[in-house]
């Protein structure tokens, strides 16, 4: 299948290279010409184990190529993944300006049916918003579908996570979109959760927020352990051996940081607030995480 990935950052490049590895013909789009020259030489601008090998391999097989033209990407592929950045605004809300810009470019370039897939981490109801944006930007009446396909890639293990996923989540509103995405992911032979777009959008934020909660929980236990003279490492081991809980993300320390958890947690709290839900549990997760840095110092 011919696939276009718009955005060649961490998520977009891993997705493109791994789709090429599963046999698809992939065109990656990026507006950074300097980065594109780098990628066309088989070099990647960040460290991710196994990724450079895949990029070089499929530049040679011809299953992976790069362009700066969204128009070319739309013309050459029936399935288009949007994998651009959604950074946090000062109030914690996700900045969707890049998603909006790309959606308008896709609409202006469309000449026949396309499936547009959200791969970027976006707030619930973004699918509807993308659909309206494309509809209003179309120059003539052209059928299309919008879908959600959140990513669950860990930095440092992204290739492994993509090729051997716990699950693939696809949010769709039509049988055609479902069929196309199932065909895209068929080579991975992974469990697939098929749902509506809004549920798929929430699954991503809910997953990261839950993992953030586990980290803040064990750090709160670490604070208590210090007060009473207990060993939090042994406590985590004893708790983590419960199969209902699991040992992952029960390592006490400085708390979570990085490019995903803090951003997604703030965005999810903001989403809940807009919906009229005061998500006190997640606010406490956030508070414990901030306090933990001072605690370690």
C-alpha atoms as a PDB file:
ATOM      1  CA  UNK A   1       0.000   0.000   0.000  1.00  0.00           C
ATOM      2  CA  UNK A   2       1.158   3.569  -0.696  1.00  0.00           C
ATOM      3  CA  UNK A   3       1.363   5.663   2.486  1.00  0.00           C
ATOM      4  CA  UNK A   4       2.364   9.284   3.137  1.00  0.00           C
ATOM      5  CA  UNK A   5       3.603  10.440   6.547  1.00  0.00           C
ATOM      6  CA  UNK A   6       3.439  14.217   7.015  1.00  0.00           C
ATOM      7  CA  UNK A   7       6.000  15.193   9.639  1.00  0.00           C
ATOM      8  CA  UNK A   8       9.374  13.466   9.964  1.00  0.00           C
ATOM      9  CA  UNK A   9      10.058  13.953  13.647  1.00  0.00           C
ATOM     10  CA  UNK A  10      10.434  11.121  16.129  1.00  0.00           C
ATOM     11  CA  UNK A  11       6.958   9.657  15.600  1.00  0.00           C
ATOM     12  CA  UNK A  12       6.723  10.316  11.857  1.00  0.00           C
ATOM     13  CA  UNK A  13      10.143   8.951  10.949  1.00  0.00           C
ATOM     14  CA  UNK A  14       9.792   5.821  13.090  1.00  0.00           C
ATOM     15  CA  UNK A  15       6.322   5.210  11.641  1.00  0.00           C
ATOM     16  CA  UNK A  16       7.519   5.694   8.064  1.00  0.00           C
ATOM     17  CA  UNK A  17      10.606   3.488   8.373  1.00  0.00           C
ATOM     18  CA  UNK A  18       8.673   0.728  10.134  1.00  0.00           C
ATOM     19  CA  UNK A  19       5.835   0.793   7.584  1.00  0.00           C
ATOM     20  CA  UNK A  20       8.497   0.426   4.886  1.00  0.00           C
ATOM     21  CA  UNK A  21       9.901  -2.555   6.798  1.00  0.00           C
ATOM     22  CA  UNK A  22       6.450  -4.208   6.718  1.00  0.00           C
ATOM     23  CA  UNK A  23       6.353  -3.875   2.923  1.00  0.00           C
ATOM     24  CA  UNK A  24       4.493  -0.618   2.289  1.00  0.00           C
ATOM     25  CA  UNK A  25       5.641   2.130  -0.083  1.00  0.00           C
ATOM     26  CA  UNK A  26       6.218   5.179   2.145  1.00  0.00           C
ATOM     27  CA  UNK A  27       6.757   8.849   1.349  1.00  0.00           C
ATOM     28  CA  UNK A  28       7.737  11.066   4.316  1.00  0.00           C
ATOM     29  CA  UNK A  29       7.020  14.805   4.078  1.00  0.00           C
ATOM     30  CA  UNK A  30       8.817  17.509   6.042  1.00  0.00           C
ATOM     31  CA  UNK A  31       9.176  21.277   5.547  1.00  0.00           C
ATOM     32  CA  UNK A  32      12.739  21.355   6.948  1.00  0.00           C
ATOM     33  CA  UNK A  33      14.888  21.110   3.810  1.00  0.00           C
ATOM     34  CA  UNK A  34      18.105  20.749   5.792  1.00  0.00           C
ATOM     35  CA  UNK A  35      16.667  17.783   7.666  1.00  0.00           C
ATOM     36  CA  UNK A  36      15.469  16.243   4.390  1.00  0.00           C
ATOM     37  CA  UNK A  37      18.976  16.352   2.904  1.00  0.00           C
ATOM     38  CA  UNK A  38      20.239  14.666   6.056  1.00  0.00           C
ATOM     39  CA  UNK A  39      17.572  11.945   5.809  1.00  0.00           C
ATOM     40  CA  UNK A  40      18.164  11.318   2.109  1.00  0.00           C
ATOM     41  CA  UNK A  41      21.760  10.426   3.012  1.00  0.00           C
ATOM     42  CA  UNK A  42      20.491   7.813   5.436  1.00  0.00           C
ATOM     43  CA  UNK A  43      21.264   9.829   8.554  1.00  0.00           C
ATOM     44  CA  UNK A  44      18.766  10.653  11.286  1.00  0.00           C
ATOM     45  CA  UNK A  45      18.756  13.852  13.386  1.00  0.00           C
ATOM     46  CA  UNK A  46      18.177  12.117  16.744  1.00  0.00           C
ATOM     47  CA  UNK A  47      19.192   8.874  18.407  1.00  0.00           C
ATOM     48  CA  UNK A  48      16.801   5.940  18.229  1.00  0.00           C
ATOM     49  CA  UNK A  49      18.251   2.401  18.253  1.00  0.00           C
ATOM     50  CA  UNK A  50      17.684   0.522  14.997  1.00  0.00           C
ATOM     51  CA  UNK A  51      16.093   3.442  13.154  1.00  0.00           C
ATOM     52  CA  UNK A  52      19.063   4.547  11.064  1.00  0.00           C
ATOM     53  CA  UNK A  53      19.542   0.967   9.864  1.00  0.00           C
ATOM     54  CA  UNK A  54      15.897   0.822   8.693  1.00  0.00           C
ATOM     55  CA  UNK A  55      16.094   4.219   6.982  1.00  0.00           C
ATOM     56  CA  UNK A  56      19.239   3.231   5.075  1.00  0.00           C
ATOM     57  CA  UNK A  57      17.846  -0.181   4.190  1.00  0.00           C
ATOM     58  CA  UNK A  58      14.644   1.155   2.679  1.00  0.00           C
ATOM     59  CA  UNK A  59      16.243   4.074   0.901  1.00  0.00           C
ATOM     60  CA  UNK A  60      18.069   1.301  -0.965  1.00  0.00           C
ATOM     61  CA  UNK A  61      14.978  -0.877  -1.475  1.00  0.00           C
ATOM     62  CA  UNK A  62      13.092   2.199  -2.700  1.00  0.00           C
ATOM     63  CA  UNK A  63      10.253   1.674  -0.215  1.00  0.00           C
ATOM     64  CA  UNK A  64      11.130   4.870   1.684  1.00  0.00           C
ATOM     65  CA  UNK A  65      11.569   8.342   0.208  1.00  0.00           C
ATOM     66  CA  UNK A  66      11.400  11.961   1.332  1.00  0.00           C
ATOM     67  CA  UNK A  67       9.915  15.193  -0.004  1.00  0.00           C
ATOM     68  CA  UNK A  68       9.112  18.720   1.137  1.00  0.00           C
ATOM     69  CA  UNK A  69       5.845  18.777  -0.846  1.00  0.00           C
ATOM     70  CA  UNK A  70       2.541  17.973   0.840  1.00  0.00           C
ATOM     71  CA  UNK A  71       0.957  18.134  -2.603  1.00  0.00           C
ATOM     72  CA  UNK A  72       3.246  15.339  -3.823  1.00  0.00           C
ATOM     73  CA  UNK A  73       2.438  13.302  -0.720  1.00  0.00           C
ATOM     74  CA  UNK A  74      -1.302  13.654  -1.290  1.00  0.00           C
ATOM     75  CA  UNK A  75      -1.003  12.818  -4.988  1.00  0.00           C
ATOM     76  CA  UNK A  76       1.024   9.641  -4.462  1.00  0.00           C
ATOM     77  CA  UNK A  77      -0.799   7.967  -1.550  1.00  0.00           C
ATOM     78  CA  UNK A  78      -4.314   6.958  -0.589  1.00  0.00           C
ATOM     79  CA  UNK A  79      -3.598   6.964   3.151  1.00  0.00           C
ATOM     80  CA  UNK A  80      -2.101  10.082   4.746  1.00  0.00           C
ATOM     81  CA  UNK A  81      -0.815  10.132   8.336  1.00  0.00           C
ATOM     82  CA  UNK A  82      -0.494  13.491  10.106  1.00  0.00           C
ATOM     83  CA  UNK A  83       2.475  13.249  12.502  1.00  0.00           C
ATOM     84  CA  UNK A  84       3.332  16.898  13.135  1.00  0.00           C
ATOM     85  CA  UNK A  85       4.100  18.416  16.536  1.00  0.00           C
ATOM     86  CA  UNK A  86       1.410  19.429  19.030  1.00  0.00           C
ATOM     87  CA  UNK A  87       3.385  21.392  21.648  1.00  0.00           C
ATOM     88  CA  UNK A  88       1.845  22.696  24.871  1.00  0.00           C
ATOM     89  CA  UNK A  89       0.530  26.236  25.130  1.00  0.00           C
ATOM     90  CA  UNK A  90       1.226  28.120  28.404  1.00  0.00           C
ATOM     91  CA  UNK A  91      -2.190  27.012  29.769  1.00  0.00           C
ATOM     92  CA  UNK A  92      -1.456  23.312  29.089  1.00  0.00           C
ATOM     93  CA  UNK A  93      -3.671  23.143  26.007  1.00  0.00           C
ATOM     94  CA  UNK A  94      -2.230  21.429  22.920  1.00  0.00           C
ATOM     95  CA  UNK A  95      -1.240  23.772  20.084  1.00  0.00           C
ATOM     96  CA  UNK A  96      -2.944  22.400  16.962  1.00  0.00           C
ATOM     97  CA  UNK A  97      -1.743  25.070  14.538  1.00  0.00           C
ATOM     98  CA  UNK A  98       0.526  22.624  12.669  1.00  0.00           C
ATOM     99  CA  UNK A  99      -2.304  20.093  12.383  1.00  0.00           C
ATOM    100  CA  UNK A 100      -4.602  22.806  11.026  1.00  0.00           C
ATOM    101  CA  UNK A 101      -2.038  24.011   8.497  1.00  0.00           C
ATOM    102  CA  UNK A 102      -1.397  20.493   7.188  1.00  0.00           C
ATOM    103  CA  UNK A 103      -5.144  19.724   7.025  1.00  0.00           C
ATOM    104  CA  UNK A 104      -5.686  22.786   4.816  1.00  0.00           C
ATOM    105  CA  UNK A 105      -2.769  21.815   2.555  1.00  0.00           C
ATOM    106  CA  UNK A 106      -4.134  18.288   2.197  1.00  0.00           C
ATOM    107  CA  UNK A 107      -7.568  19.627   1.244  1.00  0.00           C
ATOM    108  CA  UNK A 108      -6.151  21.968  -1.391  1.00  0.00           C
ATOM    109  CA  UNK A 109      -4.140  19.107  -2.943  1.00  0.00           C
ATOM    110  CA  UNK A 110      -6.878  16.436  -2.956  1.00  0.00           C
ATOM    111  CA  UNK A 111      -8.305  15.292  -6.285  1.00  0.00           C
ATOM    112  CA  UNK A 112      -9.939  12.011  -5.185  1.00  0.00           C
ATOM    113  CA  UNK A 113     -10.748  10.014  -2.041  1.00  0.00           C
ATOM    114  CA  UNK A 114      -8.135  10.052   0.723  1.00  0.00           C
ATOM    115  CA  UNK A 115      -8.020   8.656   4.258  1.00  0.00           C
ATOM    116  CA  UNK A 116      -6.466  11.227   6.623  1.00  0.00           C
ATOM    117  CA  UNK A 117      -5.187   9.696   9.857  1.00  0.00           C
ATOM    118  CA  UNK A 118      -4.308  11.574  13.060  1.00  0.00           C
ATOM    119  CA  UNK A 119      -1.035  10.131  14.326  1.00  0.00           C
ATOM    120  CA  UNK A 120      -0.077  13.175  16.397  1.00  0.00           C
ATOM    121  CA  UNK A 121      -1.235  13.246  20.020  1.00  0.00           C
ATOM    122  CA  UNK A 122      -4.331  15.437  19.938  1.00  0.00           C
ATOM    123  CA  UNK A 123      -7.240  16.346  22.247  1.00  0.00           C
ATOM    124  CA  UNK A 124     -10.580  14.588  21.934  1.00  0.00           C
ATOM    125  CA  UNK A 125     -12.801  16.099  19.206  1.00  0.00           C
ATOM    126  CA  UNK A 126      -9.788  16.993  17.031  1.00  0.00           C
ATOM    127  CA  UNK A 127     -10.992  14.448  14.452  1.00  0.00           C
ATOM    128  CA  UNK A 128     -14.240  16.381  14.003  1.00  0.00           C
ATOM    129  CA  UNK A 129     -12.293  19.635  13.811  1.00  0.00           C
ATOM    130  CA  UNK A 130      -9.911  18.219  11.158  1.00  0.00           C
ATOM    131  CA  UNK A 131     -12.903  16.958   9.205  1.00  0.00           C
ATOM    132  CA  UNK A 132     -14.514  20.428   9.232  1.00  0.00           C
ATOM    133  CA  UNK A 133     -11.210  22.121   8.344  1.00  0.00           C
ATOM    134  CA  UNK A 134     -10.692  19.869   5.320  1.00  0.00           C
ATOM    135  CA  UNK A 135     -14.331  20.164   4.242  1.00  0.00           C
ATOM    136  CA  UNK A 136     -14.200  23.980   4.298  1.00  0.00           C
ATOM    137  CA  UNK A 137     -10.832  24.040   2.479  1.00  0.00           C
ATOM    138  CA  UNK A 138     -11.792  21.710  -0.380  1.00  0.00           C
ATOM    139  CA  UNK A 139     -12.042  23.415  -3.759  1.00  0.00           C
ATOM    140  CA  UNK A 140     -14.721  20.971  -4.915  1.00  0.00           C
ATOM    141  CA  UNK A 141     -16.734  18.120  -3.432  1.00  0.00           C
ATOM    142  CA  UNK A 142     -14.362  15.175  -2.854  1.00  0.00           C
ATOM    143  CA  UNK A 143     -15.054  12.204  -0.549  1.00  0.00           C
ATOM    144  CA  UNK A 144     -12.638  11.593   2.329  1.00  0.00           C
ATOM    145  CA  UNK A 145     -12.432  10.015   5.754  1.00  0.00           C
ATOM    146  CA  UNK A 146     -10.654  11.092   8.925  1.00  0.00           C
ATOM    147  CA  UNK A 147      -9.398   8.506  11.423  1.00  0.00           C
ATOM    148  CA  UNK A 148      -7.380   8.406  14.648  1.00  0.00           C
ATOM    149  CA  UNK A 149      -4.412   6.079  15.182  1.00  0.00           C
ATOM    150  CA  UNK A 150      -2.544   7.094  18.358  1.00  0.00           C
ATOM    151  CA  UNK A 151       1.076   6.050  18.837  1.00  0.00           C
ATOM    152  CA  UNK A 152       2.501   4.324  21.908  1.00  0.00           C
ATOM    153  CA  UNK A 153       6.231   4.621  21.220  1.00  0.00           C
ATOM    154  CA  UNK A 154       8.822   4.886  23.984  1.00  0.00           C
ATOM    155  CA  UNK A 155      11.937   6.900  23.212  1.00  0.00           C
ATOM    156  CA  UNK A 156      14.860   4.480  22.964  1.00  0.00           C
ATOM    157  CA  UNK A 157      12.570   1.548  22.147  1.00  0.00           C
ATOM    158  CA  UNK A 158      10.378   3.073  19.450  1.00  0.00           C
ATOM    159  CA  UNK A 159      11.267   0.660  16.626  1.00  0.00           C
ATOM    160  CA  UNK A 160      10.717  -2.348  18.894  1.00  0.00           C
ATOM    161  CA  UNK A 161       7.432  -0.874  20.149  1.00  0.00           C
ATOM    162  CA  UNK A 162       6.190  -0.248  16.612  1.00  0.00           C
ATOM    163  CA  UNK A 163       7.133  -3.649  15.225  1.00  0.00           C
ATOM    164  CA  UNK A 164       5.880  -5.579  18.295  1.00  0.00           C
ATOM    165  CA  UNK A 165       3.026  -3.487  19.746  1.00  0.00           C
ATOM    166  CA  UNK A 166       0.846  -4.432  22.716  1.00  0.00           C
ATOM    167  CA  UNK A 167      -2.069  -3.194  20.638  1.00  0.00           C
ATOM    168  CA  UNK A 168      -2.975  -1.056  17.652  1.00  0.00           C
ATOM    169  CA  UNK A 169      -5.805   1.432  18.224  1.00  0.00           C
ATOM    170  CA  UNK A 170      -7.791   2.731  15.270  1.00  0.00           C
ATOM    171  CA  UNK A 171     -10.680   5.172  15.579  1.00  0.00           C
ATOM    172  CA  UNK A 172     -12.870   5.274  12.479  1.00  0.00           C
ATOM    173  CA  UNK A 173     -16.283   6.457  11.333  1.00  0.00           C
ATOM    174  CA  UNK A 174     -16.681   4.350   8.175  1.00  0.00           C
ATOM    175  CA  UNK A 175     -16.151   0.748   7.076  1.00  0.00           C
ATOM    176  CA  UNK A 176     -13.868   1.915   4.271  1.00  0.00           C
ATOM    177  CA  UNK A 177     -11.542   3.691   6.707  1.00  0.00           C
ATOM    178  CA  UNK A 178     -11.551   0.616   8.963  1.00  0.00           C
ATOM    179  CA  UNK A 179     -10.711  -1.690   6.058  1.00  0.00           C
ATOM    180  CA  UNK A 180      -7.843   0.508   4.877  1.00  0.00           C
ATOM    181  CA  UNK A 181      -6.259   0.826   8.331  1.00  0.00           C
ATOM    182  CA  UNK A 182      -6.619  -2.889   9.036  1.00  0.00           C
ATOM    183  CA  UNK A 183      -4.801  -3.523   5.758  1.00  0.00           C
ATOM    184  CA  UNK A 184      -2.054  -1.055   6.730  1.00  0.00           C
ATOM    185  CA  UNK A 185      -1.428  -2.863  10.023  1.00  0.00           C
ATOM    186  CA  UNK A 186      -2.126  -6.436   8.860  1.00  0.00           C
ATOM    187  CA  UNK A 187       1.616  -7.354   8.526  1.00  0.00           C
ATOM    188  CA  UNK A 188       2.212  -6.674  12.253  1.00  0.00           C
ATOM    189  CA  UNK A 189      -0.283  -9.362  13.341  1.00  0.00           C
ATOM    190  CA  UNK A 190      -0.989  -7.336  16.499  1.00  0.00           C
ATOM    191  CA  UNK A 191      -4.197  -7.086  18.575  1.00  0.00           C
ATOM    192  CA  UNK A 192      -6.320  -4.285  17.073  1.00  0.00           C
ATOM    193  CA  UNK A 193      -8.822  -2.163  18.987  1.00  0.00           C
ATOM    194  CA  UNK A 194     -11.357  -0.686  16.562  1.00  0.00           C
ATOM    195  CA  UNK A 195     -13.403   2.155  18.017  1.00  0.00           C
ATOM    196  CA  UNK A 196     -14.824   5.572  17.221  1.00  0.00           C
ATOM    197  CA  UNK A 197     -12.467   8.533  16.736  1.00  0.00           C
ATOM    198  CA  UNK A 198     -13.191  10.236  20.073  1.00  0.00           C
ATOM    199  CA  UNK A 199     -12.497   7.064  22.046  1.00  0.00           C
ATOM    200  CA  UNK A 200      -9.213   6.515  20.203  1.00  0.00           C
ATOM    201  CA  UNK A 201      -8.155  10.092  20.967  1.00  0.00           C
ATOM    202  CA  UNK A 202      -8.883   9.614  24.671  1.00  0.00           C
ATOM    203  CA  UNK A 203      -7.114   6.223  24.821  1.00  0.00           C
ATOM    204  CA  UNK A 204      -3.768   7.916  24.116  1.00  0.00           C
ATOM    205  CA  UNK A 205      -4.132  10.577  26.817  1.00  0.00           C
ATOM    206  CA  UNK A 206      -5.648   8.102  29.283  1.00  0.00           C
ATOM    207  CA  UNK A 207      -2.736   5.664  28.797  1.00  0.00           C
ATOM    208  CA  UNK A 208      -0.032   8.275  29.380  1.00  0.00           C
ATOM    209  CA  UNK A 209      -1.925   9.778  32.313  1.00  0.00           C
ATOM    210  CA  UNK A 210      -2.291   6.372  33.959  1.00  0.00           C
ATOM    211  CA  UNK A 211       1.435   5.666  33.599  1.00  0.00           C
ATOM    212  CA  UNK A 212       2.177   9.126  35.022  1.00  0.00           C
ATOM    213  CA  UNK A 213      -0.097   8.271  37.939  1.00  0.00           C
ATOM    214  CA  UNK A 214       1.893   5.085  38.682  1.00  0.00           C
ATOM    215  CA  UNK A 215       5.121   7.102  38.797  1.00  0.00           C
ATOM    216  CA  UNK A 216       3.666   9.732  41.139  1.00  0.00           C
ATOM    217  CA  UNK A 217       2.095   7.005  43.276  1.00  0.00           C
ATOM    218  CA  UNK A 218       5.402   5.223  43.934  1.00  0.00           C
ATOM    219  CA  UNK A 219       7.118   8.561  44.572  1.00  0.00           C
ATOM    220  CA  UNK A 220       4.463   9.396  47.179  1.00  0.00           C
ATOM    221  CA  UNK A 221       5.127   5.976  48.728  1.00  0.00           C
ATOM    222  CA  UNK A 222       8.871   6.799  48.675  1.00  0.00           C
ATOM    223  CA  UNK A 223       8.211   9.956  50.711  1.00  0.00           C
ATOM    224  CA  UNK A 224       6.244   7.941  53.268  1.00  0.00           C
ATOM    225  CA  UNK A 225       8.952   5.252  53.307  1.00  0.00           C
ATOM    226  CA  UNK A 226      11.630   7.801  54.151  1.00  0.00           C
ATOM    227  CA  UNK A 227       9.527   9.104  57.038  1.00  0.00           C
ATOM    228  CA  UNK A 228       9.039   5.680  58.639  1.00  0.00           C
ATOM    229  CA  UNK A 229      12.345   4.006  57.646  1.00  0.00           C
ATOM    230  CA  UNK A 230      10.973   1.565  55.058  1.00  0.00           C
ATOM    231  CA  UNK A 231      12.646   0.468  51.770  1.00  0.00           C
ATOM    232  CA  UNK A 232      10.697   1.747  48.746  1.00  0.00           C
ATOM    233  CA  UNK A 233      12.645  -0.512  46.363  1.00  0.00           C
ATOM    234  CA  UNK A 234      11.405  -3.612  48.194  1.00  0.00           C
ATOM    235  CA  UNK A 235       7.927  -2.104  48.491  1.00  0.00           C
ATOM    236  CA  UNK A 236       7.816  -1.567  44.705  1.00  0.00           C
ATOM    237  CA  UNK A 237       8.997  -5.137  44.173  1.00  0.00           C
ATOM    238  CA  UNK A 238       6.298  -6.521  46.455  1.00  0.00           C
ATOM    239  CA  UNK A 239       3.561  -4.386  44.922  1.00  0.00           C
ATOM    240  CA  UNK A 240       4.752  -4.903  41.339  1.00  0.00           C
ATOM    241  CA  UNK A 241       4.580  -8.704  41.563  1.00  0.00           C
ATOM    242  CA  UNK A 242       0.802  -8.378  41.780  1.00  0.00           C
ATOM    243  CA  UNK A 243      -0.210  -9.188  38.193  1.00  0.00           C
ATOM    244  CA  UNK A 244      -3.094  -6.735  38.414  1.00  0.00           C
ATOM    245  CA  UNK A 245      -0.601  -3.901  39.005  1.00  0.00           C
ATOM    246  CA  UNK A 246       2.674  -4.917  37.339  1.00  0.00           C
ATOM    247  CA  UNK A 247       6.192  -3.691  38.066  1.00  0.00           C
ATOM    248  CA  UNK A 248       6.625  -1.254  35.159  1.00  0.00           C
ATOM    249  CA  UNK A 249       6.642   2.457  36.101  1.00  0.00           C
ATOM    250  CA  UNK A 250       7.019   1.662  39.812  1.00  0.00           C
ATOM    251  CA  UNK A 251      10.584   2.970  40.049  1.00  0.00           C
ATOM    252  CA  UNK A 252      10.838   5.760  42.621  1.00  0.00           C
ATOM    253  CA  UNK A 253      13.037   8.690  41.578  1.00  0.00           C
ATOM    254  CA  UNK A 254      12.980  12.276  40.397  1.00  0.00           C
ATOM    255  CA  UNK A 255       9.628  11.887  38.652  1.00  0.00           C
ATOM    256  CA  UNK A 256       8.634  11.978  35.000  1.00  0.00           C
ATOM    257  CA  UNK A 257       9.789  14.506  32.432  1.00  0.00           C
ATOM    258  CA  UNK A 258      10.555  14.169  28.743  1.00  0.00           C
ATOM    259  CA  UNK A 259       8.458  15.219  25.789  1.00  0.00           C
ATOM    260  CA  UNK A 260       5.269  13.201  26.407  1.00  0.00           C
ATOM    261  CA  UNK A 261       4.020  12.614  29.941  1.00  0.00           C
ATOM    262  CA  UNK A 262       4.096  16.196  31.254  1.00  0.00           C
ATOM    263  CA  UNK A 263       2.627  17.582  28.029  1.00  0.00           C
ATOM    264  CA  UNK A 264      -0.068  14.925  27.708  1.00  0.00           C
ATOM    265  CA  UNK A 265      -1.033  15.110  31.384  1.00  0.00           C
ATOM    266  CA  UNK A 266      -1.492  18.892  31.181  1.00  0.00           C
ATOM    267  CA  UNK A 267      -3.463  18.529  27.960  1.00  0.00           C
ATOM    268  CA  UNK A 268      -5.738  15.843  29.451  1.00  0.00           C
ATOM    269  CA  UNK A 269      -6.453  17.969  32.541  1.00  0.00           C
ATOM    270  CA  UNK A 270      -7.262  20.867  30.194  1.00  0.00           C
ATOM    271  CA  UNK A 271      -9.570  18.629  28.114  1.00  0.00           C
ATOM    272  CA  UNK A 272     -11.411  17.504  31.257  1.00  0.00           C
ATOM    273  CA  UNK A 273     -11.762  21.079  32.520  1.00  0.00           C
ATOM    274  CA  UNK A 274     -13.268  22.190  29.196  1.00  0.00           C
ATOM    275  CA  UNK A 275     -15.749  19.323  29.459  1.00  0.00           C
ATOM    276  CA  UNK A 276     -16.740  20.452  32.958  1.00  0.00           C
ATOM    277  CA  UNK A 277     -14.840  17.712  34.817  1.00  0.00           C
ATOM    278  CA  UNK A 278     -12.520  18.693  37.684  1.00  0.00           C
ATOM    279  CA  UNK A 279      -9.954  15.873  37.370  1.00  0.00           C
ATOM    280  CA  UNK A 280      -8.480  16.221  40.864  1.00  0.00           C
ATOM    281  CA  UNK A 281      -6.719  12.839  40.664  1.00  0.00           C
ATOM    282  CA  UNK A 282      -4.551  13.946  37.745  1.00  0.00           C
ATOM    283  CA  UNK A 283      -3.923  17.354  39.316  1.00  0.00           C
ATOM    284  CA  UNK A 284      -2.515  15.535  42.342  1.00  0.00           C
ATOM    285  CA  UNK A 285      -0.334  13.376  40.049  1.00  0.00           C
ATOM    286  CA  UNK A 286       1.030  16.599  38.594  1.00  0.00           C
ATOM    287  CA  UNK A 287       1.571  18.147  42.035  1.00  0.00           C
ATOM    288  CA  UNK A 288       3.414  15.084  43.388  1.00  0.00           C
ATOM    289  CA  UNK A 289       5.647  15.036  40.322  1.00  0.00           C
ATOM    290  CA  UNK A 290       6.643  18.700  40.744  1.00  0.00           C
ATOM    291  CA  UNK A 291       7.240  18.255  44.468  1.00  0.00           C
ATOM    292  CA  UNK A 292       9.415  15.188  43.848  1.00  0.00           C
ATOM    293  CA  UNK A 293      12.163  17.247  42.189  1.00  0.00           C
ATOM    294  CA  UNK A 294      12.525  19.345  45.337  1.00  0.00           C
ATOM    295  CA  UNK A 295      12.329  16.194  47.429  1.00  0.00           C
ATOM    296  CA  UNK A 296      15.281  14.596  45.606  1.00  0.00           C
ATOM    297  CA  UNK A 297      17.384  17.766  45.887  1.00  0.00           C
END
